[in-house]
C-alpha atoms as a PDB file:
ATOM      1  CA  MET A   1     -13.076  28.707  13.905  1.00  0.00           C
ATOM      2  CA  THR A   2     -12.131  25.298  12.501  1.00  0.00           C
ATOM      3  CA  THR A   3     -13.307  21.947  13.838  1.00  0.00           C
ATOM      4  CA  ILE A   4     -11.981  18.416  13.207  1.00  0.00           C
ATOM      5  CA  VAL A   5     -14.790  15.933  12.543  1.00  0.00           C
ATOM      6  CA  SER A   6     -15.061  12.249  11.682  1.00  0.00           C
ATOM      7  CA  ILE A   7     -16.314  11.351   8.202  1.00  0.00           C
ATOM      8  CA  ASP A   8     -18.062   8.216   7.023  1.00  0.00           C
ATOM      9  CA  PRO A   9     -15.656   7.099   4.242  1.00  0.00           C
ATOM     10  CA  CYS A  10     -18.511   5.424   2.356  1.00  0.00           C
ATOM     11  CA  HIS A  11     -20.792   8.483   2.595  1.00  0.00           C
ATOM     12  CA  PRO A  12     -18.489  11.534   2.774  1.00  0.00           C
ATOM     13  CA  GLY A  13     -21.180  14.075   1.866  1.00  0.00           C
ATOM     14  CA  ALA A  14     -19.710  17.547   1.352  1.00  0.00           C
ATOM     15  CA  TYR A  15     -16.203  16.107   1.647  1.00  0.00           C
ATOM     16  CA  ALA A  16     -16.565  13.903  -1.453  1.00  0.00           C
ATOM     17  CA  PRO A  17     -14.805  16.376  -3.816  1.00  0.00           C
ATOM     18  CA  LEU A  18     -11.829  16.596  -1.454  1.00  0.00           C
ATOM     19  CA  LEU A  19     -11.536  12.804  -1.230  1.00  0.00           C
ATOM     20  CA  ALA A  20     -12.169  12.006  -4.894  1.00  0.00           C
ATOM     21  CA  GLY A  21     -10.081   9.051  -6.050  1.00  0.00           C
ATOM     22  CA  SER A  22      -9.129   7.921  -2.544  1.00  0.00           C
ATOM     23  CA  LEU A  23     -12.366   6.480  -1.152  1.00  0.00           C
ATOM     24  CA  PRO A  24     -12.450   2.774  -0.198  1.00  0.00           C
ATOM     25  CA  THR A  25     -12.660   0.622  -3.338  1.00  0.00           C
ATOM     26  CA  GLY A  26     -11.096  -2.670  -2.338  1.00  0.00           C
ATOM     27  CA  GLU A  27      -8.188  -1.221  -0.347  1.00  0.00           C
ATOM     28  CA  ARG A  28      -6.685  -3.286   2.450  1.00  0.00           C
ATOM     29  CA  GLY A  29      -7.498  -2.375   6.019  1.00  0.00           C
ATOM     30  CA  VAL A  30     -10.168  -0.363   7.802  1.00  0.00           C
ATOM     31  CA  PRO A  31     -10.802   3.090   6.300  1.00  0.00           C
ATOM     32  CA  VAL A  32     -10.641   6.159   8.541  1.00  0.00           C
ATOM     33  CA  ALA A  33     -11.518   9.663   7.378  1.00  0.00           C
ATOM     34  CA  LEU A  34     -11.315  13.043   9.107  1.00  0.00           C
ATOM     35  CA  GLY A  35     -12.514  16.438   7.963  1.00  0.00           C
ATOM     36  CA  CYS A  36     -11.822  20.039   8.843  1.00  0.00           C
ATOM     37  CA  GLU A  37     -14.871  22.324   8.966  1.00  0.00           C
ATOM     38  CA  GLU A  38     -14.990  26.095   9.051  1.00  0.00           C
ATOM     39  CA  SER A  39     -18.316  27.893   9.479  1.00  0.00           C
ATOM     40  CA  GLY A  40     -20.095  24.676   8.561  1.00  0.00           C
ATOM     41  CA  CYS A  41     -18.197  24.270   5.277  1.00  0.00           C
ATOM     42  CA  ALA A  42     -15.857  21.409   4.319  1.00  0.00           C
ATOM     43  CA  ARG A  43     -12.353  22.845   3.978  1.00  0.00           C
ATOM     44  CA  ALA A  44      -9.949  19.894   4.236  1.00  0.00           C
ATOM     45  CA  ALA A  45     -10.038  16.115   4.509  1.00  0.00           C
ATOM     46  CA  LEU A  46      -7.818  13.134   5.224  1.00  0.00           C
ATOM     47  CA  VAL A  47      -8.361   9.466   4.472  1.00  0.00           C
ATOM     48  CA  ALA A  48      -6.235   6.624   5.854  1.00  0.00           C
ATOM     49  CA  PHE A  49      -6.372   2.853   6.298  1.00  0.00           C
ATOM     50  CA  CYS A  50      -5.597   0.942   9.485  1.00  0.00           C
ATOM     51  CA  VAL A  51      -3.806  -2.352   8.823  1.00  0.00           C
ATOM     52  CA  ALA A  52      -2.796  -4.315  11.946  1.00  0.00           C
ATOM     53  CA  GLU A  53      -0.580  -1.924  13.979  1.00  0.00           C
ATOM     54  CA  ASP A  54      -0.035   0.599  11.173  1.00  0.00           C
ATOM     55  CA  VAL A  55      -2.113   3.487   9.889  1.00  0.00           C
ATOM     56  CA  ILE A  56      -1.431   4.381   6.265  1.00  0.00           C
ATOM     57  CA  ILE A  57      -2.357   7.898   5.159  1.00  0.00           C
ATOM     58  CA  ARG A  58      -3.817   7.706   1.678  1.00  0.00           C
ATOM     59  CA  ARG A  59      -4.650  11.341   1.008  1.00  0.00           C
ATOM     60  CA  VAL A  60      -4.615  14.797   2.587  1.00  0.00           C
ATOM     61  CA  SER A  61      -6.559  17.373   0.613  1.00  0.00           C
ATOM     62  CA  VAL A  62      -7.102  21.057   1.408  1.00  0.00           C
ATOM     63  CA  ASP A  63      -9.435  23.443  -0.403  1.00  0.00           C
ATOM     64  CA  GLY A  64      -7.454  25.803  -2.622  1.00  0.00           C
ATOM     65  CA  THR A  65      -8.733  28.869  -0.770  1.00  0.00           C
ATOM     66  CA  CYS A  66      -7.502  27.555   2.597  1.00  0.00           C
ATOM     67  CA  ARG A  67      -3.882  26.627   1.909  1.00  0.00           C
ATOM     68  CA  ARG A  68      -1.121  27.631   4.357  1.00  0.00           C
ATOM     69  CA  ARG A  69      -3.542  27.804   7.278  1.00  0.00           C
ATOM     70  CA  GLY A  70      -2.444  24.624   9.024  1.00  0.00           C
ATOM     71  CA  MET A  71      -5.535  22.551   8.255  1.00  0.00           C
ATOM     72  CA  GLY A  72      -3.596  19.661   6.747  1.00  0.00           C
ATOM     73  CA  THR A  73      -1.241  19.631   9.723  1.00  0.00           C
ATOM     74  CA  ALA A  74      -4.178  19.637  12.149  1.00  0.00           C
ATOM     75  CA  LEU A  75      -5.737  16.631  10.396  1.00  0.00           C
ATOM     76  CA  VAL A  76      -2.523  14.595  10.387  1.00  0.00           C
ATOM     77  CA  GLN A  77      -1.829  15.341  14.056  1.00  0.00           C
ATOM     78  CA  ALA A  78      -5.415  14.466  15.020  1.00  0.00           C
ATOM     79  CA  LEU A  79      -5.133  11.154  13.182  1.00  0.00           C
ATOM     80  CA  CYS A  80      -1.840  10.309  14.908  1.00  0.00           C
ATOM     81  CA  ARG A  81      -3.278  11.042  18.354  1.00  0.00           C
ATOM     82  CA  ALA A  82      -6.369   8.934  17.693  1.00  0.00           C
ATOM     83  CA  ALA A  83      -4.297   6.103  16.221  1.00  0.00           C
ATOM     84  CA  ALA A  84      -1.925   6.071  19.203  1.00  0.00           C
ATOM     85  CA  ALA A  85      -4.885   5.972  21.584  1.00  0.00           C
ATOM     86  CA  SER A  86      -6.200   2.852  19.831  1.00  0.00           C
ATOM     87  CA  GLY A  87      -2.848   1.043  20.022  1.00  0.00           C
ATOM     88  CA  VAL A  88      -1.477   1.768  16.554  1.00  0.00           C
ATOM     89  CA  ARG A  89       2.315   1.911  16.667  1.00  0.00           C
ATOM     90  CA  ARG A  90       3.300   3.485  13.374  1.00  0.00           C
ATOM     91  CA  ALA A  91       1.944   5.960  10.838  1.00  0.00           C
ATOM     92  CA  GLU A  92       2.990   5.785   7.204  1.00  0.00           C
ATOM     93  CA  ALA A  93       2.446   8.095   4.253  1.00  0.00           C
ATOM     94  CA  TYR A  94       3.214   7.497   0.601  1.00  0.00           C
ATOM     95  CA  VAL A  95       3.370  10.689  -1.438  1.00  0.00           C
ATOM     96  CA  SER A  96       3.154  10.735  -5.222  1.00  0.00           C
ATOM     97  CA  PRO A  97       2.173  13.620  -7.512  1.00  0.00           C
ATOM     98  CA  SER A  98      -1.126  11.926  -8.394  1.00  0.00           C
ATOM     99  CA  GLU A  99      -2.190  11.320  -4.784  1.00  0.00           C
ATOM    100  CA  GLN A 100      -1.604  14.698  -3.140  1.00  0.00           C
ATOM    101  CA  ASP A 101      -3.271  17.463  -5.118  1.00  0.00           C
ATOM    102  CA  GLN A 102      -1.318  20.275  -3.462  1.00  0.00           C
ATOM    103  CA  GLY A 103       1.867  19.013  -5.115  1.00  0.00           C
ATOM    104  CA  GLN A 104       4.430  16.439  -4.094  1.00  0.00           C
ATOM    105  CA  GLU A 105       6.881  18.839  -2.460  1.00  0.00           C
ATOM    106  CA  ALA A 106       4.160  20.593  -0.457  1.00  0.00           C
ATOM    107  CA  ALA A 107       2.849  17.227   0.748  1.00  0.00           C
ATOM    108  CA  CYS A 108       6.360  16.134   1.727  1.00  0.00           C
ATOM    109  CA  SER A 109       6.813  19.366   3.691  1.00  0.00           C
ATOM    110  CA  LEU A 110       3.521  18.697   5.481  1.00  0.00           C
ATOM    111  CA  PHE A 111       4.615  15.282   6.729  1.00  0.00           C
ATOM    112  CA  ARG A 112       8.066  16.534   7.746  1.00  0.00           C
ATOM    113  CA  ALA A 113       6.400  19.275   9.797  1.00  0.00           C
ATOM    114  CA  CYS A 114       4.252  16.618  11.498  1.00  0.00           C
ATOM    115  CA  GLY A 115       7.261  14.667  12.750  1.00  0.00           C
ATOM    116  CA  PHE A 116       7.486  12.067   9.987  1.00  0.00           C
ATOM    117  CA  GLU A 117      10.864  10.817   8.822  1.00  0.00           C
ATOM    118  CA  GLU A 118      11.524  10.403   5.122  1.00  0.00           C
ATOM    119  CA  GLU A 119      12.638   6.972   3.985  1.00  0.00           C
ATOM    120  CA  GLU A 120      14.245   6.056   0.685  1.00  0.00           C
ATOM    121  CA  SER A 121      11.960   6.826  -2.251  1.00  0.00           C
ATOM    122  CA  ALA A 122      10.324   3.848  -3.915  1.00  0.00           C
ATOM    123  CA  LEU A 123      10.158   3.350  -7.675  1.00  0.00           C
ATOM    124  CA  VAL A 124       6.702   2.447  -8.963  1.00  0.00           C
ATOM    125  CA  CYS A 125       5.850   0.527 -12.121  1.00  0.00           C
ATOM    126  CA  THR A 126       2.736  -0.986 -13.698  1.00  0.00           C
ATOM    127  CA  VAL A 127       2.049  -3.676 -16.295  1.00  0.00           C
ATOM    128  CA  PRO A 128      -1.411  -4.733 -17.575  1.00  0.00           C
ATOM    129  CA  LEU A 129      -2.481  -8.189 -16.441  1.00  0.00           C
ATOM    130  CA  SER A 130      -3.282  -9.147 -20.045  1.00  0.00           C
ATOM    131  CA  VAL A 131       0.342  -8.529 -21.032  1.00  0.00           C
ATOM    132  CA  LEU A 132       1.725 -10.584 -18.157  1.00  0.00           C
ATOM    133  CA  THR A 133      -0.503 -13.574 -18.909  1.00  0.00           C
ATOM    134  CA  SER A 134       0.220 -13.521 -22.648  1.00  0.00           C
ATOM    135  CA  GLY A 135       3.991 -13.128 -22.298  1.00  0.00           C
ATOM    136  CA  PRO A 136       6.699 -15.220 -20.615  1.00  0.00           C
ATOM    137  CA  LEU A 137       4.454 -15.809 -17.591  1.00  0.00           C
ATOM    138  CA  GLY A 138       1.604 -17.218 -19.651  1.00  0.00           C
ATOM    139  CA  GLY A 139       2.687 -20.860 -19.548  1.00  0.00           C
ATOM    140  CA  SER A 140       1.601 -23.488 -17.090  1.00  0.00           C
ATOM    141  CA  ALA A 141       2.341 -22.667 -13.456  1.00  0.00           C
ATOM    142  CA  PRO A 142       4.961 -24.848 -11.727  1.00  0.00           C
ATOM    143  CA  ARG A 143       3.670 -27.284  -9.130  1.00  0.00           C
ATOM    144  CA  GLN A 144       5.889 -25.759  -6.422  1.00  0.00           C
ATOM    145  CA  ALA A 145       3.699 -22.611  -6.420  1.00  0.00           C
ATOM    146  CA  ILE A 146       0.517 -22.968  -4.358  1.00  0.00           C
ATOM    147  CA  PRO A 147      -2.088 -20.442  -3.125  1.00  0.00           C
ATOM    148  CA  LEU A 148      -1.372 -18.667   0.140  1.00  0.00           C
ATOM    149  CA  GLU A 149      -4.791 -19.604   1.537  1.00  0.00           C
ATOM    150  CA  THR A 150      -3.885 -23.310   1.457  1.00  0.00           C
ATOM    151  CA  VAL A 151      -0.701 -22.939   3.523  1.00  0.00           C
ATOM    152  CA  PRO A 152      -0.784 -23.632   7.292  1.00  0.00           C
ATOM    153  CA  THR A 153      -0.042 -20.582   9.420  1.00  0.00           C
ATOM    154  CA  TYR A 154       2.828 -22.306  11.236  1.00  0.00           C
ATOM    155  CA  LYS A 155       4.693 -22.767   7.951  1.00  0.00           C
ATOM    156  CA  LEU A 156       4.385 -19.056   7.184  1.00  0.00           C
ATOM    157  CA  ARG A 157       5.677 -18.165  10.643  1.00  0.00           C
ATOM    158  CA  ALA A 158       8.648 -20.486  10.219  1.00  0.00           C
ATOM    159  CA  PHE A 159       9.462 -18.929   6.845  1.00  0.00           C
ATOM    160  CA  GLN A 160       9.194 -15.414   8.245  1.00  0.00           C
ATOM    161  CA  ALA A 161      11.469 -16.260  11.179  1.00  0.00           C
ATOM    162  CA  SER A 162      14.131 -17.743   8.900  1.00  0.00           C
ATOM    163  CA  TYR A 163      13.896 -14.769   6.547  1.00  0.00           C
ATOM    164  CA  VAL A 164      14.430 -12.244   9.336  1.00  0.00           C
ATOM    165  CA  ARG A 165      17.237 -14.287  10.946  1.00  0.00           C
ATOM    166  CA  ALA A 166      19.067 -14.313   7.627  1.00  0.00           C
ATOM    167  CA  GLY A 167      19.026 -10.510   7.627  1.00  0.00           C
ATOM    168  CA  ARG A 168      17.277 -10.303   4.264  1.00  0.00           C
ATOM    169  CA  GLY A 169      14.933  -7.486   5.261  1.00  0.00           C
ATOM    170  CA  ALA A 170      11.748  -6.581   7.069  1.00  0.00           C
ATOM    171  CA  GLU A 171       9.101  -8.991   8.237  1.00  0.00           C
ATOM    172  CA  LEU A 172       6.243 -10.079   6.014  1.00  0.00           C
ATOM    173  CA  PRO A 173       3.357  -7.604   5.801  1.00  0.00           C
ATOM    174  CA  ASP A 174       0.174  -8.293   7.710  1.00  0.00           C
ATOM    175  CA  LEU A 175      -1.664 -11.144   5.969  1.00  0.00           C
ATOM    176  CA  ARG A 176      -5.154  -9.795   6.585  1.00  0.00           C
ATOM    177  CA  GLY A 177      -6.697  -8.265   3.478  1.00  0.00           C
ATOM    178  CA  LEU A 178      -4.399 -10.072   1.047  1.00  0.00           C
ATOM    179  CA  LEU A 179      -5.686 -11.916  -2.007  1.00  0.00           C
ATOM    180  CA  GLY A 180      -5.465 -15.425  -0.565  1.00  0.00           C
ATOM    181  CA  ARG A 181      -6.208 -17.341  -3.764  1.00  0.00           C
ATOM    182  CA  GLU A 182      -3.958 -15.193  -5.954  1.00  0.00           C
ATOM    183  CA  SER A 183      -1.000 -14.704  -3.573  1.00  0.00           C
ATOM    184  CA  MET A 184       1.405 -17.634  -3.932  1.00  0.00           C
ATOM    185  CA  VAL A 185       4.078 -19.411  -1.913  1.00  0.00           C
ATOM    186  CA  TRP A 186       6.946 -21.526  -3.249  1.00  0.00           C
ATOM    187  CA  LEU A 187       7.369 -24.936  -1.614  1.00  0.00           C
ATOM    188  CA  GLU A 188      10.477 -27.120  -1.758  1.00  0.00           C
ATOM    189  CA  ASN A 189      10.589 -30.329   0.278  1.00  0.00           C
ATOM    190  CA  GLY A 190       7.477 -29.183   2.103  1.00  0.00           C
ATOM    191  CA  GLU A 191       9.006 -25.903   3.292  1.00  0.00           C
ATOM    192  CA  ILE A 192       8.309 -22.361   2.086  1.00  0.00           C
ATOM    193  CA  GLN A 193      11.234 -20.896   0.163  1.00  0.00           C
ATOM    194  CA  GLY A 194       9.550 -17.786  -1.214  1.00  0.00           C
ATOM    195  CA  CYS A 195       6.262 -16.004  -1.799  1.00  0.00           C
ATOM    196  CA  VAL A 196       4.505 -13.253  -3.708  1.00  0.00           C
ATOM    197  CA  LEU A 197       1.872 -11.377  -1.702  1.00  0.00           C
ATOM    198  CA  LEU A 198      -0.847  -9.468  -3.537  1.00  0.00           C
ATOM    199  CA  ALA A 199      -3.491  -7.015  -2.349  1.00  0.00           C
ATOM    200  CA  PRO A 200      -6.306  -5.111  -4.049  1.00  0.00           C
ATOM    201  CA  SER A 201      -5.566  -1.460  -4.787  1.00  0.00           C
ATOM    202  CA  GLY A 202      -8.726   0.202  -6.032  1.00  0.00           C
ATOM    203  CA  GLN A 203      -9.595  -1.532  -9.300  1.00  0.00           C
ATOM    204  CA  ASN A 204      -6.037  -2.823  -9.685  1.00  0.00           C
ATOM    205  CA  VAL A 205      -3.648  -5.160  -7.859  1.00  0.00           C
ATOM    206  CA  GLU A 206      -0.476  -4.353  -5.938  1.00  0.00           C
ATOM    207  CA  ILE A 207       2.513  -6.612  -5.375  1.00  0.00           C
ATOM    208  CA  LEU A 208       3.254  -5.978  -1.702  1.00  0.00           C
ATOM    209  CA  TRP A 209       6.074  -8.460  -1.275  1.00  0.00           C
ATOM    210  CA  LEU A 210       8.113 -10.720  -3.566  1.00  0.00           C
ATOM    211  CA  TYR A 211      10.963 -12.976  -2.537  1.00  0.00           C
ATOM    212  CA  ALA A 212      12.430 -16.279  -3.678  1.00  0.00           C
ATOM    213  CA  SER A 213      15.945 -17.662  -3.664  1.00  0.00           C
ATOM    214  CA  GLY A 214      16.320 -17.986  -7.437  1.00  0.00           C
ATOM    215  CA  ALA A 215      15.124 -16.543 -10.744  1.00  0.00           C
ATOM    216  CA  GLN A 216      13.186 -19.712 -11.587  1.00  0.00           C
ATOM    217  CA  ALA A 217      11.206 -19.500  -8.358  1.00  0.00           C
ATOM    218  CA  VAL A 218      10.536 -15.774  -8.813  1.00  0.00           C
ATOM    219  CA  ARG A 219       9.145 -16.327 -12.301  1.00  0.00           C
ATOM    220  CA  GLY A 220       7.232 -19.387 -11.135  1.00  0.00           C
ATOM    221  CA  LEU A 221       5.554 -17.419  -8.363  1.00  0.00           C
ATOM    222  CA  LEU A 222       4.642 -14.579 -10.710  1.00  0.00           C
ATOM    223  CA  SER A 223       3.356 -16.995 -13.352  1.00  0.00           C
ATOM    224  CA  ALA A 224       1.088 -18.781 -10.871  1.00  0.00           C
ATOM    225  CA  ALA A 225      -0.115 -15.489  -9.401  1.00  0.00           C
ATOM    226  CA  CYS A 226      -0.955 -14.009 -12.801  1.00  0.00           C
ATOM    227  CA  ARG A 227      -2.831 -17.122 -13.878  1.00  0.00           C
ATOM    228  CA  ALA A 228      -4.879 -16.958 -10.684  1.00  0.00           C
ATOM    229  CA  LEU A 229      -5.483 -13.222 -11.129  1.00  0.00           C
ATOM    230  CA  SER A 230      -6.761 -13.788 -14.668  1.00  0.00           C
ATOM    231  CA  ARG A 231      -9.570 -15.919 -13.242  1.00  0.00           C
ATOM    232  CA  SER A 232     -10.729 -13.158 -10.882  1.00  0.00           C
ATOM    233  CA  PHE A 233      -9.794  -9.851 -12.527  1.00  0.00           C
ATOM    234  CA  PRO A 234     -10.406  -8.377 -16.006  1.00  0.00           C
ATOM    235  CA  PRO A 235      -7.502  -8.269 -18.508  1.00  0.00           C
ATOM    236  CA  LYS A 236      -7.168  -4.474 -18.250  1.00  0.00           C
ATOM    237  CA  THR A 237      -6.298  -4.715 -14.543  1.00  0.00           C
ATOM    238  CA  LEU A 238      -2.954  -3.073 -13.790  1.00  0.00           C
ATOM    239  CA  VAL A 239      -0.444  -5.010 -11.712  1.00  0.00           C
ATOM    240  CA  ARG A 240       1.475  -2.429  -9.696  1.00  0.00           C
ATOM    241  CA  ALA A 241       4.759  -2.747  -7.829  1.00  0.00           C
ATOM    242  CA  ALA A 242       6.596  -0.236  -5.644  1.00  0.00           C
ATOM    243  CA  THR A 243      10.174  -1.222  -4.932  1.00  0.00           C
ATOM    244  CA  LEU A 244      13.537   0.112  -3.799  1.00  0.00           C
ATOM    245  CA  LEU A 245      15.384  -2.466  -5.909  1.00  0.00           C
ATOM    246  CA  PRO A 246      16.344  -1.605  -9.519  1.00  0.00           C
ATOM    247  CA  SER A 247      16.565  -5.353 -10.254  1.00  0.00           C
ATOM    248  CA  GLU A 248      12.835  -5.754  -9.575  1.00  0.00           C
ATOM    249  CA  ILE A 249      12.016  -2.798 -11.818  1.00  0.00           C
ATOM    250  CA  GLU A 250      14.132  -4.357 -14.566  1.00  0.00           C
ATOM    251  CA  LEU A 251      12.282  -7.665 -14.190  1.00  0.00           C
ATOM    252  CA  MET A 252       8.926  -5.903 -14.562  1.00  0.00           C
ATOM    253  CA  ARG A 253      10.305  -4.020 -17.569  1.00  0.00           C
ATOM    254  CA  LYS A 254      11.246  -7.288 -19.280  1.00  0.00           C
ATOM    255  CA  LEU A 255       7.887  -8.866 -18.503  1.00  0.00           C
ATOM    256  CA  GLY A 256       5.882  -5.818 -19.568  1.00  0.00           C
ATOM    257  CA  GLY A 257       7.703  -4.917 -22.767  1.00  0.00           C
ATOM    258  CA  GLU A 258       6.188  -1.876 -24.460  1.00  0.00           C
ATOM    259  CA  SER A 259       3.304  -1.857 -21.962  1.00  0.00           C
ATOM    260  CA  PHE A 260       5.630  -1.319 -18.985  1.00  0.00           C
ATOM    261  CA  ARG A 261       5.136   2.054 -17.300  1.00  0.00           C
ATOM    262  CA  GLN A 262       7.323   3.589 -14.623  1.00  0.00           C
ATOM    263  CA  GLU A 263       5.632   6.252 -12.529  1.00  0.00           C
ATOM    264  CA  SER A 264       7.239   9.069 -10.593  1.00  0.00           C
ATOM    265  CA  ALA A 265       9.035   7.939  -7.478  1.00  0.00           C
ATOM    266  CA  ILE A 266       6.907   7.757  -4.337  1.00  0.00           C
ATOM    267  CA  CYS A 267       8.282   9.453  -1.223  1.00  0.00           C
ATOM    268  CA  VAL A 268       7.836   7.234   1.827  1.00  0.00           C
ATOM    269  CA  PHE A 269       7.365   8.765   5.292  1.00  0.00           C
ATOM    270  CA  THR A 270       7.046   7.026   8.665  1.00  0.00           C
ATOM    271  CA  ARG A 271       6.401   8.141  12.234  1.00  0.00           C
ATOM    272  CA  GLN A 272       6.556   6.019  15.360  1.00  0.00           C
ATOM    273  CA  LEU A 273       3.531   6.658  17.548  1.00  0.00           C
ATOM    274  CA  GLN A 274       4.101   6.750  21.290  1.00  0.00           C
ATOM    275  CA  ALA A 275       1.395   5.927  23.827  1.00  0.00           C
ATOM    276  CA  GLU A 276       1.770   9.335  25.438  1.00  0.00           C
ATOM    277  CA  GLU A 277       0.654  11.002  22.195  1.00  0.00           C
ATOM    278  CA  ALA A 278      -2.866   9.925  23.041  1.00  0.00           C
ATOM    279  CA  ALA A 279      -2.806  12.355  25.951  1.00  0.00           C
ATOM    280  CA  GLY A 280      -1.761  15.263  23.739  1.00  0.00           C
ATOM    281  CA  ALA A 281      -3.904  18.251  23.061  1.00  0.00           C
END
């Protein structure tokens, strides 16, 4: 008989081998971990992070001797029920070959079976911070770029509202857990015209959001952000970006030169959580 149990993400005990590489090390949000036990033995585990009204599944891992027995499905469904009961509205999962040890296609099949819908795959690239600060972005930062933590909240809300009204895309991500000193906004005539939002991702840094109305502003934001990062992070830190836009990948390619690396595409899955799920079995 199998049992779903809660795990302390910081002290996973027997589940540590199943969660290797996905334990909280500077990730955004509140970590949540579940395990599947059978006869007192750890057989499967899941780790996720709650950020505002989203829960982001970071890893689902099943012992090799227990595959095809529904343990991964049971963990994902248990997480969704618990998340819905606590008011979370959406579950997300990002599947790459390096993050799901049962293989990318098997992990994708798992989330489809759990009611997730597949979005467009995101391209992922990385460039070392040392390369960014020594290349075209290494000059002095323009005065229009200022740290996110110094900007009044009402200005950010006004920028977000204008961005959404213009039909340019989704709303800004939740600001909690961002790197406030390193994330930058672009000011013109006292109003925000763009921003780059950064968050810790393990020992590295992820660009969560980048927008500005012109190439000069985009480069200015990145230049200011990289200069700020160099004061807080070691040179070997990888700056990582996941994007649906080939133009953004090409920009990172130009900035990274020979150090630019493009990873396998990440499959993005989402599921809307309904309140009635909390009453499920």
